[in-house]
Protein backbone atom coordinates (compact mmCIF):
# COMPACT_ATOMS: atom_id res chain seq x y z
CA MET A 1 9.31 11.46 7.63
CA SER A 2 11.26 8.30 9.04
CA LYS A 3 13.73 6.06 7.74
CA HIS A 4 14.16 4.08 10.46
CA ASP A 5 10.77 3.23 11.28
CA GLY A 6 8.69 1.63 8.11
CA MET A 7 5.22 2.23 10.02
CA ASN A 8 5.91 5.91 10.64
CA TYR A 9 7.40 6.42 6.43
CA ALA A 10 5.38 8.68 4.87
CA PRO A 11 6.55 10.49 1.63
CA LYS A 12 6.44 14.27 0.94
CA GLY A 13 6.12 14.61 -2.57
CA LYS A 14 5.47 18.06 -4.54
CA PRO A 15 1.66 19.74 -4.50
CA ASN A 16 -0.19 18.45 -7.88
CA PRO A 17 -3.89 19.91 -6.79
CA VAL A 18 -6.45 18.31 -9.55
CA VAL A 19 -9.28 20.41 -7.54
CA SER A 20 -9.93 23.98 -6.35
CA GLN A 21 -9.59 24.72 -2.44
CA GLY A 22 -13.04 23.36 -1.16
CA GLU A 23 -14.04 21.33 -3.77
CA PHE A 24 -13.37 17.87 -2.46
CA ALA A 25 -13.26 17.13 1.51
CA PHE A 26 -11.94 14.41 3.30
CA ALA A 27 -11.80 12.86 6.72
CA ALA A 28 -9.02 10.38 8.15
CA VAL A 29 -10.19 8.02 11.18
CA ALA A 30 -8.59 5.23 12.69
CA LEU A 31 -4.81 6.28 13.00
CA ASP A 32 -3.53 3.03 13.91
CA HIS A 33 -0.75 3.00 11.75
CA GLY A 34 0.95 5.39 10.96
CA HIS A 35 0.57 4.99 6.78
CA ILE A 36 -2.58 7.58 7.60
CA TYR A 37 0.13 10.14 7.54
CA GLY A 38 1.90 9.29 3.38
CA MET A 39 -2.07 8.92 2.72
CA THR A 40 -2.83 12.20 3.90
CA ASN A 41 0.00 13.76 2.81
CA GLY A 42 -0.63 12.51 -0.83
CA LEU A 43 -4.04 13.65 -0.91
CA ILE A 44 -3.47 17.24 0.51
CA GLU A 45 -0.85 17.68 -2.56
CA ALA A 46 -3.21 16.45 -5.14
CA GLY A 47 -5.69 19.42 -3.54
CA ALA A 48 -8.32 17.65 -1.35
CA ASP A 49 -9.18 19.38 2.24
CA LEU A 50 -8.61 17.71 5.03
CA VAL A 51 -11.20 18.83 7.26
CA ALA A 52 -11.34 16.35 10.63
CA VAL A 53 -9.71 13.74 12.07
CA TYR A 54 -11.11 11.08 14.64
CA ASP A 55 -9.51 8.26 17.05
CA PRO A 56 -10.94 7.34 20.03
CA ASP A 57 -7.34 7.42 21.32
CA PRO A 58 -7.12 11.80 21.88
CA LYS A 59 -3.22 11.42 22.23
CA LYS A 60 -3.03 10.26 18.47
CA VAL A 61 -5.19 12.48 17.16
CA GLU A 62 -3.24 15.52 18.70
CA ALA A 63 -0.11 13.87 17.43
CA PHE A 64 -1.72 14.07 13.91
CA ARG A 65 -3.24 17.82 14.63
CA GLN A 66 0.28 18.57 15.17
CA LYS A 67 1.10 17.61 11.74
CA PHE A 68 -2.18 19.28 10.26
CA PRO A 69 -3.58 21.86 12.37
CA GLN A 70 -6.38 22.52 9.64
CA ALA A 71 -8.41 19.05 11.08
CA ARG A 72 -10.66 19.85 13.24
CA ALA A 73 -11.09 16.78 15.96
CA ALA A 74 -14.66 15.56 15.12
CA ALA A 75 -15.55 13.95 18.57
CA SER A 76 -16.51 10.47 17.01
CA GLU A 77 -16.92 8.26 14.34
CA GLU A 78 -20.58 9.14 13.75
CA GLU A 79 -19.78 13.14 13.17
CA ILE A 80 -17.56 12.91 10.50
CA LEU A 81 -19.93 9.78 8.42
CA ASN A 82 -22.95 12.43 9.07
CA ASP A 83 -21.40 15.26 7.62
CA PRO A 84 -22.85 15.91 4.33
CA SER A 85 -19.98 17.47 2.94
CA ILE A 86 -16.59 14.82 3.75
CA LYS A 87 -16.48 13.02 0.41
CA LEU A 88 -13.84 10.65 1.22
CA VAL A 89 -12.45 8.56 4.44
CA ALA A 90 -9.23 7.79 5.25
CA ALA A 91 -7.98 5.61 7.27
CA ALA A 92 -5.40 3.13 8.73
CA ALA A 93 -7.41 0.97 11.17
CA VAL A 94 -5.99 -2.51 13.28
CA PRO A 95 -5.59 -4.74 10.17
CA SER A 96 -8.63 -6.82 11.33
CA GLU A 97 -10.84 -3.84 11.77
CA ARG A 98 -10.77 -2.19 8.43
CA CYS A 99 -13.03 -4.30 6.20
CA ALA A 100 -16.24 -3.30 9.21
CA LEU A 101 -15.08 0.60 8.65
CA GLY A 102 -15.23 0.16 5.58
CA LEU A 103 -18.69 -0.78 5.04
CA ARG A 104 -19.72 1.70 7.95
CA VAL A 105 -18.14 4.41 5.56
CA MET A 106 -19.71 3.36 2.73
CA ASP A 107 -23.25 2.81 3.93
CA ALA A 108 -23.06 6.45 4.91
CA GLY A 109 -22.58 7.80 1.28
CA LYS A 110 -18.84 8.33 1.16
CA ASP A 111 -16.36 6.53 -0.19
CA TYR A 112 -13.09 4.77 1.53
CA PHE A 113 -9.45 4.95 1.99
CA THR A 114 -7.87 2.33 3.30
CA ASP A 115 -3.70 1.32 4.80
CA LYS A 116 -3.10 -2.08 3.01
CA THR A 117 -3.71 -5.25 3.59
CA PRO A 118 -7.45 -4.15 3.14
CA PHE A 119 -8.49 -7.83 4.59
CA THR A 120 -7.53 -10.50 6.75
CA THR A 121 -10.05 -12.72 6.09
CA ARG A 122 -11.93 -13.79 2.83
CA ALA A 123 -15.14 -12.93 4.44
CA GLN A 124 -13.99 -9.53 4.98
CA LEU A 125 -13.38 -9.48 0.89
CA GLU A 126 -16.87 -10.59 0.28
CA ALA A 127 -18.73 -8.56 2.66
CA ALA A 128 -16.45 -5.61 0.76
CA ARG A 129 -17.37 -6.91 -2.73
CA ALA A 130 -21.25 -6.95 -1.85
CA LYS A 131 -21.17 -3.30 0.07
CA VAL A 132 -19.71 -1.89 -3.37
CA LYS A 133 -21.80 -4.03 -5.96
CA GLU A 134 -24.82 -2.45 -3.11
CA THR A 135 -23.73 1.07 -2.17
CA GLY A 136 -22.08 2.41 -5.73
CA ARG A 137 -19.18 3.43 -3.32
CA LYS A 138 -15.07 3.10 -3.72
CA TYR A 139 -13.13 1.24 -1.61
CA ALA A 140 -9.61 2.05 -2.40
CA VAL A 141 -6.57 0.61 -0.85
CA TYR A 142 -3.04 2.15 -0.32
CA TYR A 143 -0.42 -0.15 -1.89
CA SER A 144 2.11 2.07 -1.25
CA GLU A 145 4.91 0.42 -2.19
CA ARG A 146 4.22 1.25 -5.65
CA LEU A 147 1.76 4.34 -5.69
CA HIS A 148 4.06 6.55 -3.31
CA VAL A 149 7.82 5.06 -4.37
CA GLU A 150 8.10 7.30 -7.57
CA SER A 151 10.99 4.66 -9.15
CA ALA A 152 8.16 1.74 -9.13
CA ILE A 153 5.49 4.70 -10.64
CA TYR A 154 8.87 5.59 -13.20
CA ALA A 155 9.05 1.64 -13.94
CA GLY A 156 5.49 1.19 -14.72
CA GLN A 157 5.76 4.07 -17.50
CA LEU A 158 8.78 2.53 -19.28
CA VAL A 159 6.34 -0.49 -18.96
CA GLU A 160 3.89 0.57 -20.86
CA GLN A 161 5.96 2.58 -23.46
CA GLY A 162 7.16 -1.32 -24.43
CA ALA A 163 10.40 -0.75 -23.12
CA ILE A 164 11.01 -4.14 -22.04
CA GLY A 165 8.53 -5.95 -24.71
CA ARG A 166 5.79 -8.48 -23.17
CA VAL A 167 6.37 -8.94 -18.62
CA VAL A 168 6.93 -12.02 -17.87
CA GLN A 169 8.69 -12.30 -14.53
CA VAL A 170 8.27 -10.26 -11.87
CA MET A 171 10.42 -10.64 -8.61
CA GLY A 172 9.92 -8.41 -5.87
CA TRP A 173 11.77 -8.04 -2.38
CA GLY A 174 9.72 -6.30 0.65
CA PRO A 175 12.11 -6.37 3.64
CA HIS A 176 11.05 -4.23 6.72
CA ARG A 177 13.04 -3.64 10.06
CA LEU A 178 11.38 -5.09 13.15
CA ASN A 179 11.53 -2.21 15.51
CA ALA A 180 9.66 -3.98 17.66
CA PRO A 181 9.63 -1.47 21.01
CA SER A 182 7.34 0.61 18.41
CA ARG A 183 4.99 -1.74 17.24
CA PRO A 184 1.72 -2.10 18.95
CA GLN A 185 0.03 -5.15 20.69
CA TRP A 186 -2.26 -5.96 17.57
CA PHE A 187 1.16 -6.39 15.73
CA PHE A 188 1.96 -9.18 17.14
CA GLU A 189 -1.35 -11.09 16.73
CA HIS A 190 -2.29 -12.83 14.26
CA GLU A 191 -5.62 -12.53 13.97
CA LYS A 192 -5.31 -8.76 14.36
CA TYR A 193 -2.54 -8.17 11.46
CA GLY A 194 -3.62 -11.20 9.71
CA GLY A 195 -0.20 -13.02 8.98
CA ILE A 196 3.07 -11.72 6.73
CA LEU A 197 1.73 -12.72 3.32
CA CYS A 198 -1.77 -10.90 4.09
CA ASP A 199 -0.03 -7.80 5.65
CA ILE A 200 3.24 -6.85 3.69
CA GLY A 201 3.06 -9.53 0.65
CA SER A 202 -0.26 -7.26 -0.60
CA HIS A 203 2.08 -4.79 -1.86
CA GLN A 204 3.67 -7.40 -3.88
CA ILE A 205 0.88 -9.23 -5.20
CA GLU A 206 -0.55 -5.62 -6.25
CA GLN A 207 2.44 -4.94 -8.34
CA PHE A 208 2.93 -8.41 -9.78
CA LEU A 209 -0.72 -8.11 -10.99
CA TYR A 210 -0.04 -4.27 -12.38
CA TYR A 211 3.66 -4.86 -14.13
CA THR A 212 2.10 -7.71 -15.70
CA GLY A 213 -1.41 -6.96 -16.57
CA ALA A 214 -2.89 -10.25 -15.43
CA LYS A 215 -6.22 -9.94 -14.02
CA ASP A 216 -6.05 -13.32 -11.99
CA GLY A 217 -3.90 -15.95 -10.81
CA THR A 218 -2.57 -19.38 -8.94
CA VAL A 219 -0.79 -19.29 -6.08
CA THR A 220 1.50 -22.15 -6.46
CA SER A 221 3.55 -21.99 -3.50
CA SER A 222 3.96 -20.25 0.05
CA ARG A 223 5.85 -20.46 2.95
CA VAL A 224 6.07 -18.57 6.53
CA ALA A 225 8.29 -18.91 9.23
CA ASN A 226 9.21 -16.93 12.50
CA TYR A 227 12.69 -17.21 12.62
CA ASN A 228 14.00 -14.76 14.83
CA ASN A 229 11.42 -13.48 16.77
CA LYS A 230 10.30 -16.60 19.21
CA GLN A 231 9.44 -13.95 22.29
CA TYR A 232 6.59 -13.36 19.93
CA PRO A 233 5.01 -16.67 19.11
CA GLU A 234 1.96 -15.36 16.72
CA LEU A 235 4.53 -13.15 14.66
CA GLU A 236 6.13 -14.90 10.90
CA ASP A 237 9.15 -12.61 10.54
CA PHE A 238 9.73 -14.45 7.17
CA GLY A 239 7.16 -15.09 4.04
CA ASP A 240 7.62 -15.94 0.31
CA ALA A 241 5.75 -17.19 -2.84
CA MET A 242 5.26 -18.15 -5.34
CA LEU A 243 2.55 -16.78 -8.16
CA VAL A 244 1.33 -17.62 -11.94
CA GLY A 245 -0.82 -15.04 -14.15
CA ASP A 246 -3.57 -15.51 -15.89
CA ASN A 247 -1.53 -14.26 -18.75
CA GLY A 248 0.96 -16.73 -18.13
CA ALA A 249 3.50 -14.28 -16.25
CA THR A 250 5.46 -15.62 -13.39
CA PHE A 251 6.39 -13.71 -9.89
CA TYR A 252 8.47 -14.85 -7.03
CA PHE A 253 8.43 -12.41 -3.81
CA ARG A 254 9.86 -12.77 -0.38
CA VAL A 255 8.62 -10.37 2.57
CA ASP A 256 10.79 -10.43 6.07
CA TRP A 257 10.95 -8.13 9.31
CA LEU A 258 15.18 -9.58 9.24
CA THR A 259 16.22 -6.35 8.38
CA PRO A 260 19.64 -5.35 10.08
CA ASP A 261 20.59 -2.21 11.99
CA GLY A 262 22.85 -1.27 10.35
CA LEU A 263 20.81 -1.07 7.00
CA SER A 264 20.11 3.55 6.47
CA THR A 265 16.76 3.05 6.16
CA TRP A 266 13.84 0.86 6.81
CA GLY A 267 14.04 -1.86 4.59
CA ASP A 268 15.71 -2.63 1.03
CA GLY A 269 12.98 -2.96 -1.14
CA ARG A 270 13.99 -4.32 -4.56
CA THR A 271 11.71 -5.40 -7.72
CA ILE A 272 13.06 -6.78 -10.41
CA ILE A 273 10.58 -7.08 -14.14
CA LEU A 274 11.92 -9.27 -16.94
CA GLY A 275 10.57 -8.56 -20.20
CA THR A 276 11.29 -10.38 -23.74
CA GLU A 277 13.41 -7.43 -25.05
CA GLY A 278 14.80 -6.46 -21.26
CA TYR A 279 14.77 -6.23 -17.66
CA ILE A 280 14.17 -3.50 -14.95
CA GLU A 281 15.63 -3.13 -11.37
CA LEU A 282 13.99 -1.11 -9.26
CA ARG A 283 16.23 0.25 -5.99
CA LYS A 284 13.56 1.53 -4.12
CA TYR A 285 14.45 3.13 -0.61
CA VAL A 286 17.92 3.32 -0.73
CA ASP A 287 21.05 2.34 -2.91
CA ILE A 288 23.20 0.29 -0.22
CA ALA A 289 26.65 1.51 0.04
CA ARG A 290 25.98 4.12 -2.72
CA ASP A 291 23.23 6.27 -1.96
CA GLU A 292 21.25 6.69 0.90
CA GLN A 293 18.46 8.34 -1.25
CA GLY A 294 16.91 5.61 -3.15
CA GLY A 295 14.38 5.85 -6.19
CA HIS A 296 16.62 3.89 -8.69
CA VAL A 297 15.60 2.49 -11.93
CA TYR A 298 18.05 0.31 -13.54
CA LEU A 299 17.08 -0.50 -16.89
CA VAL A 300 18.55 -3.01 -19.40
CA ASN A 301 17.54 -4.03 -23.06
CA GLN A 302 18.08 -4.05 -26.92
CA GLU A 303 19.68 -0.54 -26.80
CA GLY A 304 21.95 -0.63 -23.57
CA GLU A 305 22.09 0.06 -20.33
CA HIS A 306 20.67 2.59 -18.23
CA HIS A 307 20.21 4.42 -14.48
CA PHE A 308 17.65 6.85 -13.69
CA SER A 309 17.36 8.76 -10.58
CA VAL A 310 14.23 9.87 -10.56
CA ASN A 311 13.71 10.91 -6.65
CA GLY A 312 11.71 14.52 -7.20
CA GLN A 313 11.24 13.83 -10.57
CA VAL A 314 8.11 11.68 -11.29
CA GLY A 315 4.96 12.85 -8.55
CA TYR A 316 2.42 10.84 -7.23
CA PRO A 317 -0.65 10.63 -9.69
CA TYR A 318 -2.38 7.76 -7.88
CA PHE A 319 -3.94 10.77 -5.08
CA GLY A 320 -4.90 13.33 -8.01
CA GLN A 321 -6.47 10.26 -10.19
CA LEU A 322 -8.34 8.99 -6.79
CA ILE A 323 -10.01 12.00 -6.20
CA LEU A 324 -11.40 12.89 -9.51
CA ASP A 325 -12.47 8.95 -9.41
CA CYS A 326 -14.25 10.20 -6.54
CA ILE A 327 -15.82 13.14 -8.07
CA HIS A 328 -16.35 11.28 -11.62
CA ARG A 329 -17.59 7.75 -10.57
CA THR A 330 -14.40 7.01 -13.18
CA GLU A 331 -11.56 4.28 -12.23
CA ASN A 332 -8.55 5.50 -13.31
CA ALA A 333 -6.06 5.43 -10.82
CA MET A 334 -6.83 1.66 -10.21
CA THR A 335 -9.95 -0.63 -10.61
CA GLN A 336 -12.13 -2.01 -7.74
CA GLU A 337 -11.35 -5.31 -9.22
CA HIS A 338 -7.64 -4.76 -9.49
CA ALA A 339 -7.57 -3.25 -6.01
CA PHE A 340 -9.76 -6.71 -4.83
CA LYS A 341 -7.81 -9.21 -6.71
CA ALA A 342 -4.74 -8.06 -5.04
CA ALA A 343 -5.70 -8.62 -1.79
CA GLU A 344 -7.79 -11.88 -2.63
CA LEU A 345 -4.63 -13.46 -4.09
CA CYS A 346 -2.49 -12.58 -0.51
CA LEU A 347 -5.25 -13.83 1.30
CA ARG A 348 -4.85 -17.14 -0.71
CA ALA A 349 -0.81 -16.98 -0.08
CA GLN A 350 -1.38 -17.25 3.62
CA GLU A 351 -4.31 -19.36 3.93
CA GLN A 352 -2.14 -21.82 1.57
CA ALA A 353 1.03 -21.32 2.94
CA VAL A 354 3.48 -23.93 4.66
CA ARG A 355 4.96 -23.12 8.32
CA ILE A 356 8.24 -24.20 8.37
CA GLU A 357 9.86 -23.98 12.14
């Protein structure tokens, strides 16, 4: 797990299998983003069997199999799609190619688990919605800044328990280190990555919907800029937006590629959740100048001030829930509509964004 490069950040948790060996097989394809390693870790820890991997680049396959030698190297994508034993395909394709791959996976009768952002255009979103309705398959999304972060999961439990009353506002900060030399060419091509609010902004909007319980929202303001990386003219290194949920909750978030080299990790991700009876602050990956481990939850409510260090204490329940959802055709991990609504709102924020020069 790389603390300095967010593209290759792959959390590891404790094994917590929800199925027996041989009960749920999955494959990994399209290894374009390092998040595929975190997605794979989570599924394996929840008991899934990784049986195959495919990417047209043999070097990517070789690197993947060094971490996961149990995966056979498939000769083609078709070999995986035609294998009836494989129930789920996990993928981290170039963002603009994620939808087309998902449509092929669902047409093959399998569930699809993609890295965020799941779409780069509204037309892709509508195509996926139609295909889910047609096939009954799942188009699951790895919104990792909540699903694979123990402090974020614990915050959700506190909210559910009523620790801060009704949630009325969320503020999110999603800074990332650019580390440009490690990035592939597509990362700097707007049509392929979709824009900063569409890409890493998708994490933020998903959290807003989750913590507030909103089912929909309106983008009231959004902005993007390239402040510090003019050598990459299609890159947006800053973006922010404001939304209002259909339940009256409000949201502000900022994402950027401006993390300084002096930070001990790839980004000082934080979230503040304001309720009618208190508030929660998450310091997800680092508590600067105090604790490089991160995983900090600060809670202030009517009962006092509280600090919880939750790394290794909470686990990552999403992956086991996803496996069971695939088996039982339930929606306990995340509803399909929630996954798609987060994607829709990030697309709207990107479309509406004013560009700051």
